Amino acid sequence: MTSLVLCDDHPLILRGLANLIAADTDIDIVATCGDGQQAIDAILEHMPDVAVLDISMPHRDGIEVLRQVAREQWPVRVVFLTGCITDEQVIQAIAAGAYGIVLKESAAASLVDCLGHVAEGRKWLPSSIVQPAISRASAAARRTSPFALLTRREKEVARLIADGLSNKDVAVRLALSEGTVKIHLHTIYSKLGVDNRTAVAILFTRDQMQ
């Protein structure tokens, strides 16, 4: 029989979920809890096959709990049952190894089906939740300027390089040594994925036009 820790910070929801799972699945609920720290304690005590968590919980949120499970390499499959989840949280959950994501607005059968999949070692990550989050995150990343990776000083160096100044002139303008300018320039190359000052100038000019 699959063992499960169930965590939700709303007592009525917690009780309803426990009744649903007990009635419709072959799952043994070994502990129920109301916050993230209690979830960690229950997982440590029982080491269940599955843990069902909310994303937003007091003390430690669901993502934090999942990350500790992954970090400690506990053999626990984490499922998120949540009222809402942001694109960032979807990406974080997948990256940290979540086995399932179910929205509370879904039919009760969705949770039952999810737990059946997860109990068998299969993931339940609906494309209706995951794909829009990935698409929006990818679009946002494309819109983000590569110069956002640079420090304030590195941006100043890049701007002067784009203006055609030599390393020596940049050093004078910024009251730096020429060696320090070279170090900044190589860091800029690395962050922007280029290998020469002309490419830096082109990228800077293009960025300013957007």
N, C-alpha and C. Protein backbone atom coordinates (compact mmCIF):
# COMPACT_ATOMS: atom_id res chain seq x y z
N MET A 1 0.84 -1.20 0.00
CA MET A 1 0.00 0.00 0.00
C MET A 1 0.88 1.25 0.00
N THR A 2 0.49 2.24 -0.77
CA THR A 2 1.23 3.49 -0.86
C THR A 2 0.99 4.34 0.38
N SER A 3 2.08 4.82 0.98
CA SER A 3 1.96 5.69 2.15
C SER A 3 2.03 7.15 1.72
N LEU A 4 1.32 8.02 2.45
CA LEU A 4 1.21 9.41 2.02
C LEU A 4 1.16 10.36 3.21
N VAL A 5 1.89 11.47 3.08
CA VAL A 5 1.77 12.60 4.01
C VAL A 5 0.98 13.68 3.29
N LEU A 6 -0.02 14.24 3.97
CA LEU A 6 -0.92 15.23 3.38
C LEU A 6 -0.80 16.54 4.15
N CYS A 7 -0.56 17.62 3.43
CA CYS A 7 -0.35 18.90 4.10
C CYS A 7 -1.14 20.02 3.43
N ASP A 8 -1.93 20.74 4.22
CA ASP A 8 -2.65 21.93 3.75
C ASP A 8 -2.93 22.79 4.97
N ASP A 9 -2.79 24.11 4.82
CA ASP A 9 -2.94 24.98 5.98
C ASP A 9 -4.40 25.36 6.27
N HIS A 10 -5.34 24.81 5.52
CA HIS A 10 -6.76 25.04 5.79
C HIS A 10 -7.37 23.75 6.35
N PRO A 11 -7.74 23.73 7.63
CA PRO A 11 -8.21 22.49 8.27
C PRO A 11 -9.38 21.82 7.57
N LEU A 12 -10.35 22.60 7.09
CA LEU A 12 -11.50 22.00 6.42
C LEU A 12 -11.09 21.33 5.12
N ILE A 13 -10.22 21.99 4.36
CA ILE A 13 -9.73 21.40 3.11
C ILE A 13 -8.93 20.15 3.42
N LEU A 14 -8.11 20.21 4.45
CA LEU A 14 -7.28 19.06 4.83
C LEU A 14 -8.16 17.86 5.18
N ARG A 15 -9.21 18.11 5.95
CA ARG A 15 -10.11 17.03 6.34
C ARG A 15 -10.83 16.46 5.12
N GLY A 16 -11.29 17.34 4.24
CA GLY A 16 -11.98 16.87 3.03
C GLY A 16 -11.08 16.06 2.13
N LEU A 17 -9.84 16.50 1.98
CA LEU A 17 -8.88 15.76 1.15
C LEU A 17 -8.59 14.39 1.74
N ALA A 18 -8.42 14.36 3.05
CA ALA A 18 -8.14 13.09 3.71
C ALA A 18 -9.29 12.11 3.50
N ASN A 19 -10.52 12.60 3.62
CA ASN A 19 -11.69 11.73 3.42
C ASN A 19 -11.76 11.24 1.97
N LEU A 20 -11.49 12.15 1.02
CA LEU A 20 -11.52 11.79 -0.40
C LEU A 20 -10.50 10.70 -0.71
N ILE A 21 -9.29 10.91 -0.25
CA ILE A 21 -8.21 9.95 -0.54
C ILE A 21 -8.49 8.61 0.12
N ALA A 22 -8.97 8.65 1.35
CA ALA A 22 -9.26 7.40 2.06
C ALA A 22 -10.37 6.61 1.38
N ALA A 23 -11.36 7.32 0.82
CA ALA A 23 -12.51 6.66 0.22
C ALA A 23 -12.24 6.14 -1.18
N ASP A 24 -11.41 6.86 -1.95
CA ASP A 24 -11.29 6.56 -3.39
C ASP A 24 -9.94 6.00 -3.82
N THR A 25 -9.03 5.78 -2.91
CA THR A 25 -7.72 5.26 -3.32
C THR A 25 -7.25 4.18 -2.34
N ASP A 26 -6.29 3.41 -2.81
CA ASP A 26 -5.64 2.40 -1.96
C ASP A 26 -4.37 3.01 -1.38
N ILE A 27 -4.56 4.08 -0.61
CA ILE A 27 -3.44 4.84 -0.07
C ILE A 27 -3.61 4.97 1.44
N ASP A 28 -2.52 4.81 2.16
CA ASP A 28 -2.51 4.93 3.60
C ASP A 28 -1.98 6.31 3.99
N ILE A 29 -2.85 7.16 4.52
CA ILE A 29 -2.41 8.49 4.97
C ILE A 29 -1.76 8.33 6.34
N VAL A 30 -0.45 8.48 6.39
CA VAL A 30 0.29 8.24 7.63
C VAL A 30 0.39 9.49 8.49
N ALA A 31 0.15 10.67 7.89
CA ALA A 31 0.20 11.91 8.67
C ALA A 31 -0.48 13.03 7.90
N THR A 32 -1.14 13.91 8.64
CA THR A 32 -1.66 15.16 8.07
C THR A 32 -1.04 16.31 8.84
N CYS A 33 -0.82 17.42 8.15
CA CYS A 33 -0.17 18.55 8.81
C CYS A 33 -0.61 19.86 8.16
N GLY A 34 -0.30 20.98 8.84
CA GLY A 34 -0.83 22.26 8.41
C GLY A 34 0.17 23.30 7.98
N ASP A 35 1.47 22.97 7.99
CA ASP A 35 2.45 23.93 7.50
C ASP A 35 3.69 23.20 6.98
N GLY A 36 4.57 23.96 6.34
CA GLY A 36 5.72 23.35 5.69
C GLY A 36 6.69 22.68 6.63
N GLN A 37 6.92 23.27 7.80
CA GLN A 37 7.84 22.64 8.75
C GLN A 37 7.27 21.34 9.28
N GLN A 38 5.96 21.33 9.56
CA GLN A 38 5.32 20.08 9.98
C GLN A 38 5.43 19.02 8.89
N ALA A 39 5.34 19.46 7.63
CA ALA A 39 5.48 18.52 6.52
C ALA A 39 6.87 17.88 6.52
N ILE A 40 7.91 18.69 6.72
CA ILE A 40 9.28 18.16 6.79
C ILE A 40 9.39 17.16 7.94
N ASP A 41 8.85 17.53 9.11
CA ASP A 41 8.92 16.64 10.27
C ASP A 41 8.20 15.32 10.00
N ALA A 42 7.02 15.40 9.37
CA ALA A 42 6.25 14.19 9.08
C ALA A 42 6.97 13.32 8.06
N ILE A 43 7.57 13.95 7.06
CA ILE A 43 8.32 13.19 6.05
C ILE A 43 9.50 12.48 6.69
N LEU A 44 10.21 13.19 7.57
CA LEU A 44 11.35 12.58 8.26
C LEU A 44 10.92 11.40 9.12
N GLU A 45 9.78 11.56 9.80
CA GLU A 45 9.31 10.50 10.69
C GLU A 45 8.80 9.28 9.94
N HIS A 46 8.05 9.51 8.86
CA HIS A 46 7.38 8.40 8.18
C HIS A 46 8.04 7.99 6.86
N MET A 47 8.82 8.88 6.26
CA MET A 47 9.42 8.64 4.95
C MET A 47 8.41 8.00 4.00
N PRO A 48 7.32 8.72 3.69
CA PRO A 48 6.24 8.15 2.88
C PRO A 48 6.64 8.00 1.41
N ASP A 49 5.83 7.27 0.68
CA ASP A 49 6.05 7.15 -0.76
C ASP A 49 5.72 8.46 -1.46
N VAL A 50 4.67 9.14 -0.97
CA VAL A 50 4.18 10.36 -1.62
C VAL A 50 3.89 11.42 -0.56
N ALA A 51 4.14 12.68 -0.91
CA ALA A 51 3.73 13.81 -0.06
C ALA A 51 2.91 14.76 -0.91
N VAL A 52 1.71 15.08 -0.46
CA VAL A 52 0.85 16.04 -1.15
C VAL A 52 0.90 17.35 -0.38
N LEU A 53 1.36 18.41 -1.05
CA LEU A 53 1.59 19.69 -0.39
C LEU A 53 0.89 20.82 -1.14
N ASP A 54 0.56 21.88 -0.40
CA ASP A 54 0.15 23.12 -1.05
C ASP A 54 1.42 23.89 -1.40
N ILE A 55 1.32 24.79 -2.36
CA ILE A 55 2.47 25.65 -2.68
C ILE A 55 2.67 26.69 -1.58
N SER A 56 1.59 27.38 -1.22
CA SER A 56 1.67 28.43 -0.21
C SER A 56 1.29 27.86 1.15
N MET A 57 2.28 27.81 2.05
CA MET A 57 2.05 27.30 3.40
C MET A 57 2.86 28.14 4.39
N PRO A 58 2.41 28.20 5.63
CA PRO A 58 3.18 28.93 6.64
C PRO A 58 4.54 28.27 6.90
N HIS A 59 5.46 29.08 7.40
CA HIS A 59 6.79 28.65 7.84
C HIS A 59 7.71 28.23 6.69
N ARG A 60 7.30 27.27 5.90
CA ARG A 60 8.09 26.87 4.72
C ARG A 60 7.11 26.54 3.60
N ASP A 61 7.32 27.14 2.44
CA ASP A 61 6.38 26.87 1.35
C ASP A 61 6.68 25.53 0.69
N GLY A 62 5.78 25.12 -0.18
CA GLY A 62 5.90 23.81 -0.81
C GLY A 62 7.17 23.64 -1.62
N ILE A 63 7.59 24.70 -2.31
CA ILE A 63 8.82 24.62 -3.11
C ILE A 63 10.02 24.37 -2.21
N GLU A 64 10.07 25.04 -1.06
CA GLU A 64 11.17 24.83 -0.11
C GLU A 64 11.20 23.39 0.37
N VAL A 65 10.03 22.86 0.69
CA VAL A 65 9.96 21.47 1.15
C VAL A 65 10.45 20.53 0.06
N LEU A 66 9.99 20.74 -1.17
CA LEU A 66 10.41 19.91 -2.29
C LEU A 66 11.92 19.96 -2.47
N ARG A 67 12.49 21.16 -2.38
CA ARG A 67 13.94 21.29 -2.56
C ARG A 67 14.71 20.55 -1.47
N GLN A 68 14.18 20.55 -0.24
CA GLN A 68 14.87 19.80 0.80
C GLN A 68 14.77 18.31 0.54
N VAL A 69 13.60 17.86 0.09
CA VAL A 69 13.45 16.44 -0.26
C VAL A 69 14.48 16.05 -1.32
N ALA A 70 14.63 16.90 -2.34
CA ALA A 70 15.60 16.62 -3.41
C ALA A 70 17.03 16.68 -2.90
N ARG A 71 17.31 17.69 -2.08
CA ARG A 71 18.67 17.87 -1.57
C ARG A 71 19.10 16.70 -0.68
N GLU A 72 18.17 16.22 0.15
CA GLU A 72 18.48 15.11 1.06
C GLU A 72 18.35 13.75 0.37
N GLN A 73 17.84 13.79 -0.88
CA GLN A 73 17.64 12.55 -1.66
C GLN A 73 16.71 11.57 -0.95
N TRP A 74 15.67 12.12 -0.32
CA TRP A 74 14.66 11.27 0.29
C TRP A 74 13.80 10.64 -0.81
N PRO A 75 13.45 9.37 -0.67
CA PRO A 75 12.67 8.68 -1.72
C PRO A 75 11.19 9.00 -1.64
N VAL A 76 10.87 10.28 -1.72
CA VAL A 76 9.49 10.76 -1.56
C VAL A 76 9.08 11.50 -2.83
N ARG A 77 7.94 11.12 -3.40
CA ARG A 77 7.43 11.79 -4.60
C ARG A 77 6.48 12.90 -4.16
N VAL A 78 6.82 14.12 -4.55
CA VAL A 78 6.04 15.28 -4.10
C VAL A 78 5.02 15.68 -5.16
N VAL A 79 3.79 15.86 -4.71
CA VAL A 79 2.69 16.35 -5.55
C VAL A 79 2.20 17.67 -4.96
N PHE A 80 2.03 18.66 -5.82
CA PHE A 80 1.47 19.94 -5.38
C PHE A 80 -0.02 19.98 -5.69
N LEU A 81 -0.81 20.24 -4.66
CA LEU A 81 -2.25 20.48 -4.82
C LEU A 81 -2.48 21.91 -4.36
N THR A 82 -2.76 22.80 -5.28
CA THR A 82 -2.75 24.22 -4.95
C THR A 82 -3.88 24.99 -5.62
N GLY A 83 -4.29 26.07 -4.96
CA GLY A 83 -5.34 26.90 -5.52
C GLY A 83 -4.87 27.71 -6.71
N CYS A 84 -3.62 28.12 -6.68
CA CYS A 84 -3.04 28.85 -7.80
C CYS A 84 -1.54 28.63 -7.81
N ILE A 85 -0.95 28.77 -8.98
CA ILE A 85 0.48 28.57 -9.11
C ILE A 85 1.00 29.50 -10.21
N THR A 86 2.07 30.21 -9.93
CA THR A 86 2.63 31.13 -10.92
C THR A 86 3.51 30.38 -11.91
N ASP A 87 3.80 31.04 -13.03
CA ASP A 87 4.70 30.43 -14.01
C ASP A 87 6.04 30.10 -13.37
N GLU A 88 6.55 31.02 -12.56
CA GLU A 88 7.84 30.79 -11.90
C GLU A 88 7.79 29.58 -11.00
N GLN A 89 6.69 29.42 -10.27
CA GLN A 89 6.56 28.26 -9.38
C GLN A 89 6.45 26.96 -10.16
N VAL A 90 5.78 27.00 -11.31
CA VAL A 90 5.72 25.80 -12.17
C VAL A 90 7.12 25.39 -12.59
N ILE A 91 7.91 26.36 -13.06
CA ILE A 91 9.27 26.07 -13.50
C ILE A 91 10.11 25.56 -12.34
N GLN A 92 9.99 26.20 -11.18
CA GLN A 92 10.75 25.78 -10.01
C GLN A 92 10.36 24.37 -9.58
N ALA A 93 9.07 24.07 -9.61
CA ALA A 93 8.59 22.76 -9.20
C ALA A 93 9.13 21.66 -10.11
N ILE A 94 9.07 21.90 -11.41
CA ILE A 94 9.58 20.91 -12.36
C ILE A 94 11.08 20.73 -12.19
N ALA A 95 11.80 21.86 -12.06
CA ALA A 95 13.26 21.80 -11.92
C ALA A 95 13.67 21.04 -10.67
N ALA A 96 12.88 21.16 -9.60
CA ALA A 96 13.23 20.51 -8.34
C ALA A 96 12.76 19.07 -8.27
N GLY A 97 12.00 18.63 -9.29
CA GLY A 97 11.63 17.21 -9.35
C GLY A 97 10.23 16.86 -8.89
N ALA A 98 9.29 17.81 -8.95
CA ALA A 98 7.92 17.50 -8.55
C ALA A 98 7.35 16.38 -9.43
N TYR A 99 6.57 15.52 -8.82
CA TYR A 99 5.95 14.42 -9.56
C TYR A 99 4.56 14.77 -10.07
N GLY A 100 3.93 15.75 -9.45
CA GLY A 100 2.58 16.08 -9.88
C GLY A 100 2.19 17.50 -9.52
N ILE A 101 1.31 18.07 -10.33
CA ILE A 101 0.71 19.38 -10.04
C ILE A 101 -0.79 19.26 -10.33
N VAL A 102 -1.60 19.56 -9.33
CA VAL A 102 -3.05 19.51 -9.48
C VAL A 102 -3.62 20.81 -8.91
N LEU A 103 -4.52 21.44 -9.65
CA LEU A 103 -5.19 22.64 -9.15
C LEU A 103 -6.42 22.25 -8.34
N LYS A 104 -6.65 22.97 -7.25
CA LYS A 104 -7.79 22.65 -6.39
C LYS A 104 -9.12 22.83 -7.09
N GLU A 105 -9.14 23.67 -8.13
CA GLU A 105 -10.38 23.88 -8.87
C GLU A 105 -10.73 22.68 -9.75
N SER A 106 -9.78 21.77 -9.94
CA SER A 106 -10.03 20.59 -10.76
C SER A 106 -11.01 19.65 -10.05
N ALA A 107 -11.59 18.76 -10.81
CA ALA A 107 -12.48 17.76 -10.22
C ALA A 107 -11.69 16.86 -9.29
N ALA A 108 -12.38 16.35 -8.27
CA ALA A 108 -11.72 15.47 -7.31
C ALA A 108 -11.06 14.28 -8.00
N ALA A 109 -11.65 13.85 -9.11
CA ALA A 109 -11.10 12.71 -9.85
C ALA A 109 -9.68 12.99 -10.34
N SER A 110 -9.36 14.26 -10.59
CA SER A 110 -8.02 14.59 -11.06
C SER A 110 -6.97 14.25 -10.02
N LEU A 111 -7.26 14.57 -8.76
CA LEU A 111 -6.31 14.23 -7.69
C LEU A 111 -6.19 12.73 -7.55
N VAL A 112 -7.30 12.03 -7.60
CA VAL A 112 -7.27 10.57 -7.50
C VAL A 112 -6.45 9.97 -8.63
N ASP A 113 -6.67 10.45 -9.86
CA ASP A 113 -5.91 9.95 -11.01
C ASP A 113 -4.42 10.27 -10.85
N CYS A 114 -4.14 11.49 -10.40
CA CYS A 114 -2.75 11.90 -10.21
C CYS A 114 -2.05 10.98 -9.22
N LEU A 115 -2.68 10.74 -8.09
CA LEU A 115 -2.06 9.89 -7.07
C LEU A 115 -1.86 8.47 -7.58
N GLY A 116 -2.78 8.00 -8.42
CA GLY A 116 -2.60 6.68 -9.01
C GLY A 116 -1.37 6.62 -9.89
N HIS A 117 -1.18 7.65 -10.71
CA HIS A 117 0.01 7.73 -11.57
C HIS A 117 1.28 7.79 -10.73
N VAL A 118 1.28 8.70 -9.76
CA VAL A 118 2.49 8.93 -8.97
C VAL A 118 2.84 7.70 -8.14
N ALA A 119 1.84 7.01 -7.63
CA ALA A 119 2.09 5.79 -6.85
C ALA A 119 2.81 4.74 -7.69
N GLU A 120 2.58 4.79 -9.01
CA GLU A 120 3.23 3.85 -9.93
C GLU A 120 4.57 4.38 -10.45
N GLY A 121 4.98 5.55 -9.95
CA GLY A 121 6.25 6.12 -10.38
C GLY A 121 6.17 6.96 -11.63
N ARG A 122 4.94 7.30 -12.05
CA ARG A 122 4.76 8.14 -13.24
C ARG A 122 4.42 9.56 -12.83
N LYS A 123 4.82 10.51 -13.63
CA LYS A 123 4.57 11.91 -13.30
C LYS A 123 3.22 12.38 -13.86
N TRP A 124 2.65 13.35 -13.16
CA TRP A 124 1.37 13.95 -13.55
C TRP A 124 1.60 15.45 -13.65
N LEU A 125 2.03 15.89 -14.81
CA LEU A 125 2.33 17.31 -15.05
C LEU A 125 1.53 17.75 -16.27
N PRO A 126 0.28 18.16 -16.08
CA PRO A 126 -0.61 18.46 -17.20
C PRO A 126 -0.04 19.53 -18.13
N SER A 127 -0.12 19.26 -19.42
CA SER A 127 0.40 20.22 -20.41
C SER A 127 -0.36 21.55 -20.33
N SER A 128 -1.62 21.50 -19.88
CA SER A 128 -2.41 22.73 -19.77
C SER A 128 -1.84 23.68 -18.71
N ILE A 129 -1.07 23.15 -17.78
CA ILE A 129 -0.40 23.97 -16.76
C ILE A 129 1.04 24.25 -17.15
N VAL A 130 1.73 23.21 -17.60
CA VAL A 130 3.18 23.31 -17.82
C VAL A 130 3.54 24.09 -19.08
N GLN A 131 2.90 23.76 -20.20
CA GLN A 131 3.29 24.38 -21.46
C GLN A 131 3.12 25.90 -21.49
N PRO A 132 1.97 26.44 -21.03
CA PRO A 132 1.85 27.90 -21.02
C PRO A 132 2.91 28.57 -20.15
N ALA A 133 3.24 27.94 -19.02
CA ALA A 133 4.25 28.51 -18.13
C ALA A 133 5.61 28.54 -18.80
N ILE A 134 5.97 27.44 -19.47
CA ILE A 134 7.26 27.38 -20.15
C ILE A 134 7.30 28.37 -21.30
N SER A 135 6.21 28.46 -22.06
CA SER A 135 6.16 29.39 -23.20
C SER A 135 6.30 30.83 -22.75
N ARG A 136 5.58 31.19 -21.69
CA ARG A 136 5.66 32.57 -21.20
C ARG A 136 7.03 32.87 -20.61
N ALA A 137 7.61 31.91 -19.91
CA ALA A 137 8.94 32.12 -19.33
C ALA A 137 9.99 32.26 -20.43
N SER A 138 9.86 31.46 -21.49
CA SER A 138 10.81 31.55 -22.61
C SER A 138 10.70 32.89 -23.32
N ALA A 139 9.45 33.35 -23.51
CA ALA A 139 9.25 34.64 -24.17
C ALA A 139 9.83 35.77 -23.33
N ALA A 140 9.65 35.69 -22.02
CA ALA A 140 10.19 36.72 -21.13
C ALA A 140 11.71 36.72 -21.17
N ALA A 141 12.30 35.52 -21.23
CA ALA A 141 13.76 35.43 -21.29
C ALA A 141 14.30 36.05 -22.57
N ARG A 142 13.56 35.84 -23.67
CA ARG A 142 14.01 36.42 -24.95
C ARG A 142 13.93 37.94 -24.92
N ARG A 143 12.97 38.47 -24.17
CA ARG A 143 12.82 39.92 -24.09
C ARG A 143 13.83 40.56 -23.16
N THR A 144 14.44 39.75 -22.31
CA THR A 144 15.39 40.29 -21.33
C THR A 144 16.70 40.63 -22.01
N SER A 145 17.18 41.84 -21.79
CA SER A 145 18.44 42.27 -22.37
C SER A 145 19.60 41.47 -21.79
N PRO A 146 20.54 41.02 -22.64
CA PRO A 146 21.72 40.32 -22.11
C PRO A 146 22.53 41.23 -21.20
N PHE A 147 22.36 42.54 -21.36
CA PHE A 147 23.11 43.48 -20.53
C PHE A 147 22.59 43.51 -19.09
N ALA A 148 21.45 42.87 -18.86
CA ALA A 148 20.95 42.77 -17.48
C ALA A 148 21.88 41.92 -16.63
N LEU A 149 22.71 41.11 -17.29
CA LEU A 149 23.66 40.26 -16.57
C LEU A 149 24.87 41.04 -16.07
N LEU A 150 25.08 42.23 -16.61
CA LEU A 150 26.28 42.99 -16.29
C LEU A 150 26.10 43.84 -15.03
N THR A 151 27.21 44.04 -14.32
CA THR A 151 27.18 44.96 -13.19
C THR A 151 27.15 46.40 -13.71
N ARG A 152 26.92 47.34 -12.81
CA ARG A 152 26.89 48.75 -13.22
C ARG A 152 28.21 49.16 -13.87
N ARG A 153 29.34 48.77 -13.28
CA ARG A 153 30.64 49.13 -13.84
C ARG A 153 30.86 48.48 -15.20
N GLU A 154 30.45 47.21 -15.34
CA GLU A 154 30.61 46.52 -16.62
C GLU A 154 29.78 47.20 -17.71
N LYS A 155 28.59 47.68 -17.34
CA LYS A 155 27.77 48.40 -18.32
C LYS A 155 28.45 49.70 -18.76
N GLU A 156 29.09 50.37 -17.82
CA GLU A 156 29.81 51.60 -18.17
C GLU A 156 30.94 51.31 -19.14
N VAL A 157 31.68 50.23 -18.87
CA VAL A 157 32.78 49.84 -19.77
C VAL A 157 32.22 49.49 -21.15
N ALA A 158 31.13 48.72 -21.19
CA ALA A 158 30.54 48.32 -22.47
C ALA A 158 30.07 49.54 -23.26
N ARG A 159 29.49 50.51 -22.57
CA ARG A 159 29.01 51.72 -23.25
C ARG A 159 30.17 52.48 -23.89
N LEU A 160 31.27 52.60 -23.17
CA LEU A 160 32.42 53.33 -23.70
C LEU A 160 33.10 52.56 -24.83
N ILE A 161 33.12 51.24 -24.73
CA ILE A 161 33.65 50.41 -25.82
C ILE A 161 32.80 50.62 -27.07
N ALA A 162 31.47 50.67 -26.88
CA ALA A 162 30.57 50.89 -28.01
C ALA A 162 30.78 52.27 -28.62
N ASP A 163 31.23 53.22 -27.80
CA ASP A 163 31.52 54.57 -28.30
C ASP A 163 32.86 54.64 -29.03
N GLY A 164 33.58 53.52 -29.05
CA GLY A 164 34.84 53.47 -29.80
C GLY A 164 36.09 53.78 -29.00
N LEU A 165 35.98 53.87 -27.68
CA LEU A 165 37.15 54.19 -26.87
C LEU A 165 38.06 52.97 -26.72
N SER A 166 39.35 53.21 -26.65
CA SER A 166 40.32 52.15 -26.41
C SER A 166 40.32 51.81 -24.92
N ASN A 167 40.97 50.70 -24.57
CA ASN A 167 41.06 50.33 -23.16
C ASN A 167 41.70 51.44 -22.34
N LYS A 168 42.74 52.05 -22.91
CA LYS A 168 43.43 53.13 -22.20
C LYS A 168 42.50 54.31 -21.96
N ASP A 169 41.71 54.67 -22.98
CA ASP A 169 40.78 55.79 -22.85
C ASP A 169 39.66 55.48 -21.85
N VAL A 170 39.20 54.23 -21.87
CA VAL A 170 38.17 53.82 -20.92
C VAL A 170 38.72 53.93 -19.50
N ALA A 171 39.97 53.49 -19.32
CA ALA A 171 40.60 53.56 -18.00
C ALA A 171 40.67 54.99 -17.49
N VAL A 172 41.06 55.90 -18.38
CA VAL A 172 41.14 57.31 -17.98
C VAL A 172 39.76 57.85 -17.64
N ARG A 173 38.77 57.54 -18.46
CA ARG A 173 37.42 58.07 -18.27
C ARG A 173 36.82 57.59 -16.93
N LEU A 174 37.09 56.33 -16.58
CA LEU A 174 36.48 55.75 -15.38
C LEU A 174 37.42 55.75 -14.18
N ALA A 175 38.61 56.33 -14.34
CA ALA A 175 39.60 56.39 -13.25
C ALA A 175 39.96 54.98 -12.77
N LEU A 176 40.21 54.11 -13.74
CA LEU A 176 40.62 52.74 -13.45
C LEU A 176 41.98 52.48 -14.07
N SER A 177 42.61 51.39 -13.64
CA SER A 177 43.84 50.99 -14.32
C SER A 177 43.46 50.28 -15.62
N GLU A 178 44.37 50.27 -16.57
CA GLU A 178 44.10 49.59 -17.84
C GLU A 178 43.91 48.09 -17.62
N GLY A 179 44.63 47.54 -16.65
CA GLY A 179 44.48 46.12 -16.33
C GLY A 179 43.09 45.79 -15.82
N THR A 180 42.54 46.70 -15.00
CA THR A 180 41.18 46.49 -14.49
C THR A 180 40.16 46.54 -15.61
N VAL A 181 40.37 47.44 -16.56
CA VAL A 181 39.48 47.52 -17.71
C VAL A 181 39.51 46.22 -18.50
N LYS A 182 40.70 45.65 -18.67
CA LYS A 182 40.82 44.38 -19.41
C LYS A 182 40.07 43.26 -18.69
N ILE A 183 40.17 43.25 -17.36
CA ILE A 183 39.45 42.23 -16.58
C ILE A 183 37.94 42.40 -16.77
N HIS A 184 37.47 43.65 -16.68
CA HIS A 184 36.04 43.90 -16.90
C HIS A 184 35.62 43.46 -18.30
N LEU A 185 36.46 43.73 -19.27
CA LEU A 185 36.12 43.42 -20.65
C LEU A 185 36.01 41.92 -20.87
N HIS A 186 36.91 41.15 -20.28
CA HIS A 186 36.84 39.70 -20.43
C HIS A 186 35.60 39.13 -19.72
N THR A 187 35.23 39.74 -18.60
CA THR A 187 34.01 39.32 -17.91
C THR A 187 32.79 39.62 -18.77
N ILE A 188 32.80 40.78 -19.42
CA ILE A 188 31.71 41.15 -20.34
C ILE A 188 31.63 40.15 -21.49
N TYR A 189 32.77 39.79 -22.07
CA TYR A 189 32.79 38.79 -23.14
C TYR A 189 32.10 37.51 -22.68
N SER A 190 32.48 37.06 -21.48
CA SER A 190 31.94 35.80 -20.96
C SER A 190 30.43 35.88 -20.76
N LYS A 191 29.96 36.97 -20.17
CA LYS A 191 28.53 37.10 -19.88
C LYS A 191 27.69 37.26 -21.14
N LEU A 192 28.24 37.93 -22.14
CA LEU A 192 27.49 38.17 -23.37
C LEU A 192 27.69 37.06 -24.40
N GLY A 193 28.64 36.17 -24.15
CA GLY A 193 28.89 35.08 -25.09
C GLY A 193 29.57 35.54 -26.37
N VAL A 194 30.46 36.53 -26.26
CA VAL A 194 31.20 37.03 -27.42
C VAL A 194 32.69 36.97 -27.11
N ASP A 195 33.51 37.30 -28.13
CA ASP A 195 34.96 37.21 -27.90
C ASP A 195 35.74 38.41 -28.43
N ASN A 196 35.04 39.51 -28.74
CA ASN A 196 35.76 40.69 -29.20
C ASN A 196 34.94 41.95 -28.93
N ARG A 197 35.63 43.09 -28.91
CA ARG A 197 35.00 44.36 -28.56
C ARG A 197 34.01 44.83 -29.62
N THR A 198 34.23 44.44 -30.87
CA THR A 198 33.28 44.81 -31.93
C THR A 198 31.91 44.20 -31.67
N ALA A 199 31.91 42.93 -31.25
CA ALA A 199 30.65 42.25 -30.94
C ALA A 199 29.95 42.93 -29.76
N VAL A 200 30.74 43.36 -28.77
CA VAL A 200 30.16 44.08 -27.63
C VAL A 200 29.48 45.36 -28.11
N ALA A 201 30.15 46.09 -28.99
CA ALA A 201 29.60 47.34 -29.51
C ALA A 201 28.31 47.11 -30.28
N ILE A 202 28.30 46.05 -31.10
CA ILE A 202 27.10 45.74 -31.89
C ILE A 202 25.93 45.40 -30.97
N LEU A 203 26.18 44.53 -29.97
CA LEU A 203 25.13 44.14 -29.05
C LEU A 203 24.62 45.33 -28.24
N PHE A 204 25.55 46.19 -27.82
CA PHE A 204 25.15 47.35 -27.03
C PHE A 204 24.26 48.28 -27.86
N THR A 205 24.68 48.52 -29.09
CA THR A 205 23.90 49.40 -29.97
C THR A 205 22.52 48.83 -30.24
N ARG A 206 22.46 47.52 -30.50
CA ARG A 206 21.18 46.85 -30.75
C ARG A 206 20.28 46.93 -29.52
N ASP A 207 20.89 46.75 -28.36
CA ASP A 207 20.12 46.80 -27.11
C ASP A 207 19.53 48.19 -26.89
N GLN A 208 20.26 49.22 -27.21
CA GLN A 208 19.78 50.58 -27.02
C GLN A 208 18.66 50.94 -27.98
N MET A 209 18.57 50.23 -29.09
CA MET A 209 17.54 50.50 -30.09
C MET A 209 16.22 49.81 -29.77
N GLN A 210 16.24 48.85 -28.85
CA GLN A 210 15.02 48.09 -28.54
C GLN A 210 14.09 48.89 -27.64
